[in-house]
């Protein structure tokens, strides 16, 4: 089984909404770090938000289209593919949208420093996000594996054939011998309670009592 399933479904609305929200928070941080005055802050926030949302939504759309291909890759290959795709989207929007963020029309052509900075920021954030997604996926797999292990242990403790036979016996006793059926239910309850109790040892008296109830059933 491949592990590239750690990538979230970028076609799902909750994932897109969370991505947009985190991108807007990042744009807010950038605007706060660059603006010196309140008026500059709102202008920078509007421009940076527009650019960041372009990049984020564009990357989400590309990852959504490539989702089935990415799910077939190994984690390292999927990480490289996602990083490459996001860098390509960032580069494209940096070339197209650089003019909107330029302080003057003469500087409408994006500079190399502007492009490199955007690529570096996008790369770092992408790697951090992928690491988070992978750790969360491994944690979910571990919980699922532990749940299956507990279920198998529970099934082994209960012994399904013995349980079914006991229930059939109780059902057959109810019409003619209700008192014995009631006692069988009580004995079965004690056996199940003991089997499901996480104790490493019990006393000899308890063991003999459980044996008596087992033989009675």
N, C-alpha and C. Protein backbone atom coordinates (compact mmCIF):
# COMPACT_ATOMS: atom_id res chain seq x y z
N UNK A 1 0.85 -1.20 0.00
CA UNK A 1 0.00 0.00 0.00
C UNK A 1 0.87 1.24 0.00
N UNK A 2 0.56 2.19 -0.85
CA UNK A 2 1.33 3.42 -0.92
C UNK A 2 0.88 4.36 0.19
N UNK A 3 1.78 5.27 0.57
CA UNK A 3 1.50 6.20 1.65
C UNK A 3 1.24 7.61 1.16
N UNK A 4 1.09 7.82 -0.15
CA UNK A 4 0.86 9.16 -0.67
C UNK A 4 -0.55 9.64 -0.35
N UNK A 5 -1.37 8.77 0.26
CA UNK A 5 -2.68 9.19 0.69
C UNK A 5 -2.65 10.22 1.81
N UNK A 6 -1.46 10.59 2.27
CA UNK A 6 -1.36 11.61 3.31
C UNK A 6 -1.78 12.98 2.78
N UNK A 7 -1.83 13.14 1.47
CA UNK A 7 -2.24 14.43 0.90
C UNK A 7 -3.75 14.61 1.08
N UNK A 8 -4.19 15.78 1.52
CA UNK A 8 -5.63 16.01 1.64
C UNK A 8 -6.29 16.14 0.27
N UNK A 9 -7.59 16.03 0.26
CA UNK A 9 -8.35 16.17 -0.98
C UNK A 9 -8.58 17.66 -1.26
N UNK A 10 -7.80 18.21 -2.18
CA UNK A 10 -7.92 19.63 -2.49
C UNK A 10 -9.14 19.94 -3.34
N UNK A 11 -9.90 18.91 -3.70
CA UNK A 11 -11.16 19.13 -4.41
C UNK A 11 -12.32 19.34 -3.43
N UNK A 12 -12.08 19.04 -2.15
CA UNK A 12 -13.14 19.14 -1.15
C UNK A 12 -13.26 20.58 -0.65
N UNK A 13 -14.48 21.01 -0.44
CA UNK A 13 -14.72 22.38 0.01
C UNK A 13 -14.08 22.71 1.36
N UNK A 14 -14.15 21.81 2.37
CA UNK A 14 -13.49 22.14 3.65
C UNK A 14 -12.00 22.38 3.50
N UNK A 15 -11.33 21.58 2.66
CA UNK A 15 -9.89 21.77 2.46
C UNK A 15 -9.60 23.10 1.79
N UNK A 16 -10.39 23.43 0.78
CA UNK A 16 -10.19 24.71 0.09
C UNK A 16 -10.44 25.88 1.03
N UNK A 17 -11.49 25.78 1.83
CA UNK A 17 -11.80 26.86 2.78
C UNK A 17 -10.68 27.04 3.78
N UNK A 18 -10.17 25.94 4.33
CA UNK A 18 -9.07 26.04 5.29
C UNK A 18 -7.82 26.61 4.63
N UNK A 19 -7.57 26.22 3.40
CA UNK A 19 -6.41 26.74 2.67
C UNK A 19 -6.53 28.25 2.45
N UNK A 20 -7.70 28.70 2.06
CA UNK A 20 -7.92 30.13 1.85
C UNK A 20 -7.76 30.90 3.16
N UNK A 21 -8.29 30.34 4.23
CA UNK A 21 -8.20 31.01 5.54
C UNK A 21 -6.75 31.14 5.99
N UNK A 22 -5.98 30.06 5.89
CA UNK A 22 -4.57 30.11 6.28
C UNK A 22 -3.78 31.06 5.38
N UNK A 23 -4.12 31.07 4.09
CA UNK A 23 -3.44 31.99 3.18
C UNK A 23 -3.71 33.44 3.54
N UNK A 24 -4.94 33.73 3.95
CA UNK A 24 -5.27 35.10 4.33
C UNK A 24 -4.55 35.51 5.61
N UNK A 25 -4.41 34.58 6.54
CA UNK A 25 -3.64 34.88 7.75
C UNK A 25 -2.18 35.15 7.41
N UNK A 26 -1.64 34.38 6.47
CA UNK A 26 -0.26 34.62 6.04
C UNK A 26 -0.13 35.98 5.37
N UNK A 27 -1.11 36.34 4.54
CA UNK A 27 -1.09 37.66 3.90
C UNK A 27 -1.16 38.78 4.93
N UNK A 28 -1.93 38.56 5.98
CA UNK A 28 -2.03 39.56 7.05
C UNK A 28 -0.68 39.76 7.73
N UNK A 29 0.02 38.66 7.98
CA UNK A 29 1.35 38.76 8.61
C UNK A 29 2.32 39.51 7.70
N UNK A 30 2.29 39.20 6.42
CA UNK A 30 3.18 39.90 5.48
C UNK A 30 2.86 41.39 5.42
N UNK A 31 1.58 41.73 5.39
CA UNK A 31 1.20 43.14 5.32
C UNK A 31 1.63 43.88 6.58
N UNK A 32 1.49 43.25 7.73
CA UNK A 32 1.91 43.88 8.98
C UNK A 32 3.41 44.09 9.03
N UNK A 33 4.15 43.17 8.45
CA UNK A 33 5.61 43.28 8.50
C UNK A 33 6.16 44.31 7.51
N UNK A 34 5.39 44.65 6.48
CA UNK A 34 5.88 45.55 5.44
C UNK A 34 5.35 46.97 5.55
N UNK A 35 4.18 47.16 6.16
CA UNK A 35 3.55 48.49 6.19
C UNK A 35 4.06 49.30 7.38
N UNK A 36 4.33 50.59 7.13
CA UNK A 36 4.77 51.50 8.18
C UNK A 36 3.63 52.35 8.72
N UNK A 37 2.61 52.58 7.92
CA UNK A 37 1.47 53.40 8.33
C UNK A 37 0.18 52.61 8.11
N UNK A 38 -0.89 53.10 8.76
CA UNK A 38 -2.17 52.40 8.67
C UNK A 38 -2.69 52.38 7.24
N UNK A 39 -2.54 53.50 6.53
CA UNK A 39 -2.99 53.53 5.14
C UNK A 39 -2.21 52.58 4.27
N UNK A 40 -0.90 52.53 4.50
CA UNK A 40 -0.08 51.59 3.75
C UNK A 40 -0.46 50.15 4.07
N UNK A 41 -0.84 49.91 5.32
CA UNK A 41 -1.19 48.55 5.72
C UNK A 41 -2.37 48.02 4.93
N UNK A 42 -3.43 48.82 4.84
CA UNK A 42 -4.62 48.34 4.13
C UNK A 42 -4.36 48.16 2.64
N UNK A 43 -3.58 49.06 2.07
CA UNK A 43 -3.24 48.91 0.65
C UNK A 43 -2.40 47.65 0.42
N UNK A 44 -1.39 47.46 1.28
CA UNK A 44 -0.54 46.28 1.13
C UNK A 44 -1.33 45.00 1.38
N UNK A 45 -2.22 45.04 2.38
CA UNK A 45 -3.02 43.85 2.68
C UNK A 45 -3.89 43.47 1.50
N UNK A 46 -4.50 44.45 0.86
CA UNK A 46 -5.36 44.16 -0.30
C UNK A 46 -4.56 43.55 -1.44
N UNK A 47 -3.40 44.13 -1.74
CA UNK A 47 -2.58 43.63 -2.85
C UNK A 47 -1.98 42.27 -2.53
N UNK A 48 -1.44 42.13 -1.33
CA UNK A 48 -0.83 40.85 -0.95
C UNK A 48 -1.88 39.76 -0.87
N UNK A 49 -3.05 40.07 -0.32
CA UNK A 49 -4.12 39.07 -0.23
C UNK A 49 -4.53 38.60 -1.62
N UNK A 50 -4.66 39.55 -2.54
CA UNK A 50 -5.02 39.18 -3.91
C UNK A 50 -3.99 38.25 -4.52
N UNK A 51 -2.72 38.58 -4.35
CA UNK A 51 -1.67 37.76 -4.94
C UNK A 51 -1.59 36.39 -4.27
N UNK A 52 -1.62 36.37 -2.94
CA UNK A 52 -1.51 35.11 -2.21
C UNK A 52 -2.69 34.20 -2.52
N UNK A 53 -3.89 34.74 -2.58
CA UNK A 53 -5.06 33.91 -2.89
C UNK A 53 -4.99 33.38 -4.32
N UNK A 54 -4.47 34.17 -5.24
CA UNK A 54 -4.25 33.65 -6.59
C UNK A 54 -3.36 32.42 -6.55
N UNK A 55 -2.24 32.55 -5.87
CA UNK A 55 -1.28 31.45 -5.82
C UNK A 55 -1.88 30.23 -5.13
N UNK A 56 -2.52 30.45 -3.99
CA UNK A 56 -3.05 29.33 -3.21
C UNK A 56 -4.18 28.62 -3.95
N UNK A 57 -5.12 29.38 -4.48
CA UNK A 57 -6.23 28.75 -5.21
C UNK A 57 -5.75 28.10 -6.50
N UNK A 58 -4.78 28.72 -7.16
CA UNK A 58 -4.21 28.10 -8.35
C UNK A 58 -3.51 26.79 -8.03
N UNK A 59 -2.73 26.78 -6.94
CA UNK A 59 -2.06 25.55 -6.54
C UNK A 59 -3.07 24.49 -6.12
N UNK A 60 -4.12 24.89 -5.40
CA UNK A 60 -5.14 23.93 -4.99
C UNK A 60 -5.85 23.33 -6.20
N UNK A 61 -6.11 24.14 -7.21
CA UNK A 61 -6.76 23.63 -8.42
C UNK A 61 -5.86 22.63 -9.15
N UNK A 62 -4.57 22.95 -9.24
CA UNK A 62 -3.64 22.03 -9.91
C UNK A 62 -3.53 20.72 -9.13
N UNK A 63 -3.42 20.81 -7.80
CA UNK A 63 -3.32 19.60 -6.98
C UNK A 63 -4.61 18.79 -7.03
N UNK A 64 -5.74 19.47 -7.17
CA UNK A 64 -7.01 18.76 -7.31
C UNK A 64 -7.04 17.97 -8.62
N UNK A 65 -6.59 18.59 -9.70
CA UNK A 65 -6.57 17.92 -11.00
C UNK A 65 -5.60 16.74 -11.01
N UNK A 66 -4.52 16.86 -10.26
CA UNK A 66 -3.48 15.81 -10.24
C UNK A 66 -3.64 14.85 -9.07
N UNK A 67 -4.77 14.89 -8.39
CA UNK A 67 -4.94 14.13 -7.15
C UNK A 67 -4.76 12.63 -7.35
N UNK A 68 -5.38 12.06 -8.38
CA UNK A 68 -5.28 10.61 -8.60
C UNK A 68 -3.86 10.20 -8.96
N UNK A 69 -3.17 11.03 -9.70
CA UNK A 69 -1.77 10.74 -10.03
C UNK A 69 -0.89 10.83 -8.79
N UNK A 70 -1.12 11.83 -7.96
CA UNK A 70 -0.31 12.00 -6.76
C UNK A 70 -0.53 10.87 -5.76
N UNK A 71 -1.76 10.35 -5.69
CA UNK A 71 -2.06 9.28 -4.74
C UNK A 71 -1.34 7.98 -5.07
N UNK A 72 -0.89 7.84 -6.31
CA UNK A 72 -0.18 6.61 -6.70
C UNK A 72 1.32 6.70 -6.44
N UNK A 73 1.80 7.84 -6.04
CA UNK A 73 3.23 8.03 -5.83
C UNK A 73 3.62 7.69 -4.40
N UNK A 74 4.89 7.38 -4.24
CA UNK A 74 5.43 7.18 -2.89
C UNK A 74 5.56 8.54 -2.20
N UNK A 75 5.66 8.54 -0.87
CA UNK A 75 5.69 9.82 -0.15
C UNK A 75 6.76 10.78 -0.63
N UNK A 76 7.98 10.28 -0.86
CA UNK A 76 9.06 11.17 -1.30
C UNK A 76 8.76 11.74 -2.68
N UNK A 77 8.30 10.88 -3.58
CA UNK A 77 7.97 11.34 -4.93
C UNK A 77 6.78 12.29 -4.91
N UNK A 78 5.78 12.00 -4.07
CA UNK A 78 4.62 12.89 -3.97
C UNK A 78 5.02 14.25 -3.41
N UNK A 79 5.93 14.24 -2.44
CA UNK A 79 6.41 15.50 -1.88
C UNK A 79 7.12 16.33 -2.95
N UNK A 80 7.99 15.68 -3.71
CA UNK A 80 8.68 16.40 -4.78
C UNK A 80 7.74 16.91 -5.84
N UNK A 81 6.73 16.10 -6.18
CA UNK A 81 5.77 16.52 -7.21
C UNK A 81 4.94 17.72 -6.73
N UNK A 82 4.47 17.66 -5.50
CA UNK A 82 3.68 18.77 -4.96
C UNK A 82 4.52 20.04 -4.87
N UNK A 83 5.76 19.88 -4.41
CA UNK A 83 6.65 21.04 -4.32
C UNK A 83 6.90 21.64 -5.70
N UNK A 84 7.14 20.79 -6.69
CA UNK A 84 7.37 21.29 -8.04
C UNK A 84 6.16 21.99 -8.62
N UNK A 85 4.97 21.42 -8.39
CA UNK A 85 3.75 22.03 -8.92
C UNK A 85 3.47 23.38 -8.26
N UNK A 86 3.64 23.46 -6.95
CA UNK A 86 3.40 24.73 -6.27
C UNK A 86 4.43 25.78 -6.67
N UNK A 87 5.66 25.35 -6.91
CA UNK A 87 6.67 26.31 -7.36
C UNK A 87 6.34 26.83 -8.76
N UNK A 88 5.85 25.93 -9.62
CA UNK A 88 5.47 26.34 -10.96
C UNK A 88 4.31 27.34 -10.93
N UNK A 89 3.32 27.06 -10.09
CA UNK A 89 2.18 27.98 -9.96
C UNK A 89 2.64 29.32 -9.40
N UNK A 90 3.52 29.27 -8.39
CA UNK A 90 4.03 30.52 -7.80
C UNK A 90 4.82 31.33 -8.81
N UNK A 91 5.64 30.66 -9.60
CA UNK A 91 6.41 31.36 -10.63
C UNK A 91 5.49 32.00 -11.65
N UNK A 92 4.46 31.28 -12.06
CA UNK A 92 3.54 31.82 -13.07
C UNK A 92 2.82 33.06 -12.56
N UNK A 93 2.31 33.00 -11.35
CA UNK A 93 1.59 34.16 -10.81
C UNK A 93 2.54 35.29 -10.44
N UNK A 94 3.78 34.95 -10.11
CA UNK A 94 4.75 36.02 -9.84
C UNK A 94 5.05 36.81 -11.10
N UNK A 95 5.17 36.11 -12.22
CA UNK A 95 5.42 36.79 -13.49
C UNK A 95 4.22 37.61 -13.94
N UNK A 96 3.02 37.05 -13.72
CA UNK A 96 1.81 37.74 -14.17
C UNK A 96 1.39 38.84 -13.21
N UNK A 97 1.45 38.54 -11.91
CA UNK A 97 0.92 39.48 -10.93
C UNK A 97 1.93 40.41 -10.34
N UNK A 98 3.20 40.32 -10.74
CA UNK A 98 4.20 41.21 -10.18
C UNK A 98 3.92 42.67 -10.44
N UNK A 99 3.32 42.98 -11.57
CA UNK A 99 3.03 44.36 -11.89
C UNK A 99 2.01 45.00 -10.97
N UNK A 100 1.08 44.19 -10.44
CA UNK A 100 0.07 44.75 -9.54
C UNK A 100 0.67 45.18 -8.21
N UNK A 101 1.74 44.50 -7.80
CA UNK A 101 2.37 44.83 -6.52
C UNK A 101 3.50 45.82 -6.66
N UNK A 102 3.81 46.23 -7.88
CA UNK A 102 4.92 47.16 -8.09
C UNK A 102 4.55 48.55 -7.57
N UNK A 103 5.48 49.25 -6.93
CA UNK A 103 5.17 50.59 -6.39
C UNK A 103 4.96 51.64 -7.47
N UNK A 104 5.45 51.41 -8.68
CA UNK A 104 5.28 52.39 -9.76
C UNK A 104 5.20 51.65 -11.08
N UNK A 105 4.59 52.28 -12.11
CA UNK A 105 4.47 51.61 -13.41
C UNK A 105 5.83 51.28 -14.02
N UNK A 106 6.86 52.07 -13.68
CA UNK A 106 8.17 51.80 -14.25
C UNK A 106 8.75 50.47 -13.76
N UNK A 107 8.25 50.02 -12.61
CA UNK A 107 8.75 48.77 -12.04
C UNK A 107 7.74 47.64 -12.20
N UNK A 108 6.91 47.76 -13.24
CA UNK A 108 5.85 46.76 -13.42
C UNK A 108 6.42 45.37 -13.71
N UNK A 109 7.59 45.31 -14.33
CA UNK A 109 8.21 44.01 -14.59
C UNK A 109 8.79 43.47 -13.29
N UNK A 110 8.34 42.30 -12.84
CA UNK A 110 8.82 41.78 -11.56
C UNK A 110 10.32 41.54 -11.57
N UNK A 111 10.95 41.90 -10.47
CA UNK A 111 12.39 41.72 -10.35
C UNK A 111 12.72 40.29 -9.99
N UNK A 112 13.99 39.94 -10.18
CA UNK A 112 14.44 38.60 -9.83
C UNK A 112 14.31 38.36 -8.33
N UNK A 113 14.59 39.39 -7.54
CA UNK A 113 14.48 39.25 -6.08
C UNK A 113 13.04 38.96 -5.67
N UNK A 114 12.08 39.62 -6.33
CA UNK A 114 10.66 39.39 -6.04
C UNK A 114 10.27 37.95 -6.34
N UNK A 115 10.72 37.45 -7.47
CA UNK A 115 10.39 36.08 -7.87
C UNK A 115 11.04 35.07 -6.94
N UNK A 116 12.33 35.27 -6.65
CA UNK A 116 13.05 34.34 -5.78
C UNK A 116 12.44 34.32 -4.38
N UNK A 117 12.07 35.50 -3.88
CA UNK A 117 11.45 35.56 -2.55
C UNK A 117 10.13 34.79 -2.53
N UNK A 118 9.31 34.97 -3.54
CA UNK A 118 8.04 34.26 -3.60
C UNK A 118 8.25 32.75 -3.68
N UNK A 119 9.21 32.33 -4.49
CA UNK A 119 9.49 30.89 -4.62
C UNK A 119 9.99 30.32 -3.30
N UNK A 120 10.85 31.07 -2.61
CA UNK A 120 11.38 30.59 -1.34
C UNK A 120 10.28 30.47 -0.29
N UNK A 121 9.44 31.50 -0.20
CA UNK A 121 8.34 31.46 0.77
C UNK A 121 7.38 30.32 0.46
N UNK A 122 7.02 30.19 -0.81
CA UNK A 122 6.10 29.11 -1.20
C UNK A 122 6.70 27.75 -0.93
N UNK A 123 7.99 27.58 -1.19
CA UNK A 123 8.64 26.30 -0.95
C UNK A 123 8.67 25.94 0.52
N UNK A 124 9.01 26.90 1.36
CA UNK A 124 9.08 26.63 2.80
C UNK A 124 7.70 26.28 3.36
N UNK A 125 6.70 27.07 2.98
CA UNK A 125 5.35 26.81 3.48
C UNK A 125 4.83 25.47 2.97
N UNK A 126 5.12 25.14 1.72
CA UNK A 126 4.68 23.86 1.16
C UNK A 126 5.30 22.69 1.90
N UNK A 127 6.59 22.76 2.19
CA UNK A 127 7.26 21.67 2.90
C UNK A 127 6.73 21.53 4.33
N UNK A 128 6.48 22.66 4.99
CA UNK A 128 5.91 22.59 6.34
C UNK A 128 4.52 21.96 6.31
N UNK A 129 3.71 22.36 5.34
CA UNK A 129 2.36 21.81 5.23
C UNK A 129 2.40 20.32 4.91
N UNK A 130 3.29 19.90 4.02
CA UNK A 130 3.39 18.49 3.68
C UNK A 130 3.85 17.66 4.88
N UNK A 131 4.76 18.22 5.65
CA UNK A 131 5.20 17.52 6.86
C UNK A 131 4.05 17.34 7.84
N UNK A 132 3.27 18.39 7.99
CA UNK A 132 2.11 18.31 8.88
C UNK A 132 1.11 17.28 8.37
N UNK A 133 0.82 17.28 7.06
CA UNK A 133 -0.12 16.32 6.49
C UNK A 133 0.37 14.89 6.69
N UNK A 134 1.67 14.67 6.53
CA UNK A 134 2.20 13.31 6.65
C UNK A 134 2.14 12.83 8.10
N UNK A 135 2.49 13.71 9.05
CA UNK A 135 2.42 13.32 10.46
C UNK A 135 0.97 13.03 10.87
N UNK A 136 0.04 13.85 10.40
CA UNK A 136 -1.37 13.62 10.72
C UNK A 136 -1.85 12.30 10.12
N UNK A 137 -1.42 12.00 8.90
CA UNK A 137 -1.82 10.76 8.24
C UNK A 137 -1.28 9.55 9.00
N UNK A 138 0.00 9.61 9.41
CA UNK A 138 0.58 8.51 10.16
C UNK A 138 -0.13 8.33 11.50
N UNK A 139 -0.50 9.43 12.13
CA UNK A 139 -1.22 9.35 13.40
C UNK A 139 -2.59 8.69 13.21
N UNK A 140 -3.29 9.05 12.14
CA UNK A 140 -4.59 8.44 11.87
C UNK A 140 -4.44 6.95 11.57
N UNK A 141 -3.39 6.58 10.83
CA UNK A 141 -3.15 5.17 10.55
C UNK A 141 -2.85 4.40 11.83
N UNK A 142 -2.10 5.01 12.72
CA UNK A 142 -1.77 4.34 13.98
C UNK A 142 -3.02 4.11 14.82
N UNK A 143 -3.89 5.13 14.87
CA UNK A 143 -5.13 4.97 15.62
C UNK A 143 -5.99 3.86 15.02
N UNK A 144 -6.06 3.82 13.68
CA UNK A 144 -6.86 2.79 13.02
C UNK A 144 -6.28 1.40 13.28
N UNK A 145 -4.95 1.28 13.22
CA UNK A 145 -4.31 -0.01 13.48
C UNK A 145 -4.54 -0.45 14.92
N UNK A 146 -4.46 0.48 15.86
CA UNK A 146 -4.72 0.14 17.26
C UNK A 146 -6.17 -0.29 17.46
N UNK A 147 -7.09 0.35 16.76
CA UNK A 147 -8.50 -0.02 16.87
C UNK A 147 -8.73 -1.43 16.34
N UNK A 148 -8.10 -1.76 15.19
CA UNK A 148 -8.24 -3.11 14.64
C UNK A 148 -7.61 -4.13 15.58
N UNK A 149 -6.48 -3.79 16.17
CA UNK A 149 -5.82 -4.72 17.09
C UNK A 149 -6.69 -4.97 18.32
N UNK A 150 -7.30 -3.91 18.84
CA UNK A 150 -8.18 -4.08 19.99
C UNK A 150 -9.41 -4.91 19.64
N UNK A 151 -9.93 -4.71 18.43
CA UNK A 151 -11.09 -5.49 18.00
C UNK A 151 -10.73 -6.97 17.89
N UNK A 152 -9.55 -7.25 17.30
CA UNK A 152 -9.14 -8.66 17.20
C UNK A 152 -8.91 -9.27 18.57
N UNK A 153 -8.32 -8.49 19.47
CA UNK A 153 -8.11 -9.00 20.83
C UNK A 153 -9.44 -9.25 21.53
N UNK A 154 -10.40 -8.36 21.31
CA UNK A 154 -11.71 -8.53 21.91
C UNK A 154 -12.41 -9.76 21.36
N UNK A 155 -12.30 -9.97 20.05
CA UNK A 155 -12.91 -11.16 19.45
C UNK A 155 -12.26 -12.43 19.96
N UNK A 156 -10.93 -12.38 20.16
CA UNK A 156 -10.24 -13.56 20.68
C UNK A 156 -10.64 -13.86 22.11
N UNK A 157 -10.89 -12.81 22.89
CA UNK A 157 -11.28 -13.03 24.28
C UNK A 157 -12.70 -13.59 24.40
N UNK A 158 -13.60 -13.10 23.56
CA UNK A 158 -15.00 -13.49 23.69
C UNK A 158 -15.26 -14.90 23.17
N UNK A 159 -14.47 -15.38 22.21
CA UNK A 159 -14.69 -16.69 21.60
C UNK A 159 -16.09 -16.77 20.98
N UNK A 160 -16.26 -16.28 19.76
CA UNK A 160 -17.60 -16.15 19.16
C UNK A 160 -18.41 -17.45 19.16
N UNK A 161 -17.77 -18.60 18.88
CA UNK A 161 -18.54 -19.85 18.82
C UNK A 161 -19.14 -20.19 20.19
N UNK A 162 -18.35 -20.01 21.23
CA UNK A 162 -18.86 -20.26 22.57
C UNK A 162 -20.01 -19.31 22.90
N UNK A 163 -19.86 -18.04 22.51
CA UNK A 163 -20.90 -17.06 22.78
C UNK A 163 -22.19 -17.40 22.05
N UNK A 164 -22.09 -17.76 20.76
CA UNK A 164 -23.29 -18.09 19.98
C UNK A 164 -23.97 -19.34 20.53
N UNK A 165 -23.17 -20.35 20.87
CA UNK A 165 -23.75 -21.57 21.42
C UNK A 165 -24.45 -21.30 22.74
N UNK A 166 -23.84 -20.45 23.57
CA UNK A 166 -24.46 -20.11 24.85
C UNK A 166 -25.77 -19.38 24.66
N UNK A 167 -25.80 -18.43 23.73
CA UNK A 167 -27.03 -17.69 23.47
C UNK A 167 -28.13 -18.61 22.94
N UNK A 168 -27.76 -19.56 22.09
CA UNK A 168 -28.75 -20.52 21.60
C UNK A 168 -29.28 -21.39 22.73
N UNK A 169 -28.37 -21.77 23.63
CA UNK A 169 -28.80 -22.58 24.77
C UNK A 169 -29.76 -21.81 25.66
N UNK A 170 -29.43 -20.55 25.92
CA UNK A 170 -30.30 -19.72 26.75
C UNK A 170 -31.66 -19.54 26.08
N UNK A 171 -31.66 -19.33 24.77
CA UNK A 171 -32.93 -19.17 24.05
C UNK A 171 -33.79 -20.42 24.15
N UNK A 172 -33.16 -21.60 24.11
CA UNK A 172 -33.92 -22.84 24.20
C UNK A 172 -34.43 -23.10 25.62
N UNK A 173 -33.77 -22.54 26.63
CA UNK A 173 -34.18 -22.75 28.02
C UNK A 173 -35.31 -21.82 28.44
N UNK A 174 -35.44 -20.68 27.79
CA UNK A 174 -36.39 -19.66 28.24
C UNK A 174 -37.83 -20.18 28.32
N UNK A 175 -38.37 -20.92 27.33
CA UNK A 175 -39.78 -21.34 27.41
C UNK A 175 -40.06 -22.32 28.55
N UNK A 176 -39.18 -23.30 28.76
CA UNK A 176 -39.46 -24.39 29.70
C UNK A 176 -38.73 -24.22 31.03
N UNK A 177 -37.55 -23.66 31.02
CA UNK A 177 -36.75 -23.55 32.24
C UNK A 177 -36.22 -22.11 32.38
N UNK A 178 -37.09 -21.16 32.65
CA UNK A 178 -36.66 -19.76 32.71
C UNK A 178 -35.64 -19.48 33.80
N UNK A 179 -35.74 -20.20 34.93
CA UNK A 179 -34.79 -19.95 36.02
C UNK A 179 -33.37 -20.34 35.61
N UNK A 180 -33.24 -21.47 34.92
CA UNK A 180 -31.91 -21.88 34.44
C UNK A 180 -31.41 -20.93 33.35
N UNK A 181 -32.32 -20.44 32.54
CA UNK A 181 -31.92 -19.48 31.50
C UNK A 181 -31.40 -18.20 32.14
N UNK A 182 -32.09 -17.75 33.21
CA UNK A 182 -31.63 -16.55 33.91
C UNK A 182 -30.25 -16.77 34.53
N UNK A 183 -30.05 -17.94 35.14
CA UNK A 183 -28.75 -18.23 35.74
C UNK A 183 -27.66 -18.32 34.69
N UNK A 184 -28.01 -18.87 33.52
CA UNK A 184 -27.02 -18.95 32.44
C UNK A 184 -26.63 -17.55 31.95
N UNK A 185 -27.60 -16.63 31.91
CA UNK A 185 -27.30 -15.25 31.52
C UNK A 185 -26.35 -14.61 32.52
N UNK A 186 -26.60 -14.84 33.81
CA UNK A 186 -25.72 -14.29 34.85
C UNK A 186 -24.32 -14.88 34.76
N UNK A 187 -24.24 -16.20 34.53
CA UNK A 187 -22.92 -16.83 34.40
C UNK A 187 -22.18 -16.29 33.18
N UNK A 188 -22.90 -16.13 32.08
CA UNK A 188 -22.27 -15.60 30.86
C UNK A 188 -21.79 -14.17 31.09
N UNK A 189 -22.58 -13.37 31.78
CA UNK A 189 -22.18 -11.98 32.05
C UNK A 189 -20.90 -11.94 32.87
N UNK A 190 -20.80 -12.82 33.87
CA UNK A 190 -19.58 -12.85 34.69
C UNK A 190 -18.37 -13.28 33.87
N UNK A 191 -18.55 -14.26 32.99
CA UNK A 191 -17.44 -14.71 32.15
C UNK A 191 -16.98 -13.61 31.21
N UNK A 192 -17.94 -12.93 30.58
CA UNK A 192 -17.57 -11.84 29.67
C UNK A 192 -16.91 -10.69 30.41
N UNK A 193 -17.42 -10.38 31.59
CA UNK A 193 -16.82 -9.30 32.38
C UNK A 193 -15.38 -9.64 32.74
N UNK A 194 -15.14 -10.87 33.09
CA UNK A 194 -13.78 -11.28 33.43
C UNK A 194 -12.88 -11.28 32.20
N UNK A 195 -13.42 -11.70 31.05
CA UNK A 195 -12.61 -11.76 29.83
C UNK A 195 -12.23 -10.38 29.34
N UNK A 196 -13.10 -9.39 29.57
CA UNK A 196 -12.85 -8.04 29.06
C UNK A 196 -12.13 -7.15 30.07
N UNK A 197 -11.84 -7.67 31.23
CA UNK A 197 -11.11 -6.90 32.24
C UNK A 197 -9.62 -6.99 31.98
N UNK A 198 -8.95 -5.84 31.96
CA UNK A 198 -7.50 -5.81 31.71
C UNK A 198 -6.74 -6.07 33.00
N UNK A 199 -6.74 -7.33 33.42
CA UNK A 199 -5.97 -7.73 34.60
C UNK A 199 -5.00 -8.82 34.22
N UNK A 200 -3.78 -8.69 34.69
CA UNK A 200 -2.76 -9.69 34.37
C UNK A 200 -2.88 -10.95 35.21
N UNK A 201 -3.49 -10.85 36.37
CA UNK A 201 -3.61 -12.02 37.25
C UNK A 201 -4.86 -11.90 38.09
N UNK A 202 -5.42 -13.06 38.50
CA UNK A 202 -6.57 -13.11 39.39
C UNK A 202 -6.29 -14.16 40.45
N UNK A 203 -7.09 -14.14 41.49
CA UNK A 203 -6.88 -15.10 42.58
C UNK A 203 -7.36 -16.48 42.18
N UNK A 204 -6.90 -17.49 42.92
CA UNK A 204 -7.30 -18.86 42.63
C UNK A 204 -8.79 -19.05 42.85
N UNK A 205 -9.34 -18.39 43.86
CA UNK A 205 -10.77 -18.51 44.13
C UNK A 205 -11.60 -17.97 42.97
N UNK A 206 -11.17 -16.84 42.43
CA UNK A 206 -11.88 -16.28 41.28
C UNK A 206 -11.78 -17.19 40.07
N UNK A 207 -10.60 -17.77 39.87
CA UNK A 207 -10.42 -18.69 38.74
C UNK A 207 -11.32 -19.91 38.88
N UNK A 208 -11.42 -20.46 40.09
CA UNK A 208 -12.28 -21.62 40.31
C UNK A 208 -13.75 -21.26 40.12
N UNK A 209 -14.14 -20.06 40.56
CA UNK A 209 -15.52 -19.63 40.40
C UNK A 209 -15.87 -19.46 38.92
N UNK A 210 -14.96 -18.88 38.15
CA UNK A 210 -15.19 -18.74 36.71
C UNK A 210 -15.26 -20.10 36.03
N UNK A 211 -14.42 -21.02 36.47
CA UNK A 211 -14.46 -22.37 35.90
C UNK A 211 -15.80 -23.04 36.19
N UNK A 212 -16.29 -22.84 37.43
CA UNK A 212 -17.59 -23.42 37.79
C UNK A 212 -18.70 -22.86 36.91
N UNK A 213 -18.67 -21.55 36.69
CA UNK A 213 -19.70 -20.93 35.85
C UNK A 213 -19.59 -21.40 34.40
N UNK A 214 -18.35 -21.57 33.93
CA UNK A 214 -18.15 -22.05 32.56
C UNK A 214 -18.72 -23.46 32.40
N UNK A 215 -18.43 -24.33 33.37
CA UNK A 215 -18.94 -25.70 33.30
C UNK A 215 -20.46 -25.73 33.45
N UNK A 216 -20.99 -24.80 34.24
CA UNK A 216 -22.45 -24.75 34.40
C UNK A 216 -23.13 -24.40 33.09
N UNK A 217 -22.52 -23.50 32.34
CA UNK A 217 -23.09 -23.14 31.04
C UNK A 217 -23.04 -24.31 30.08
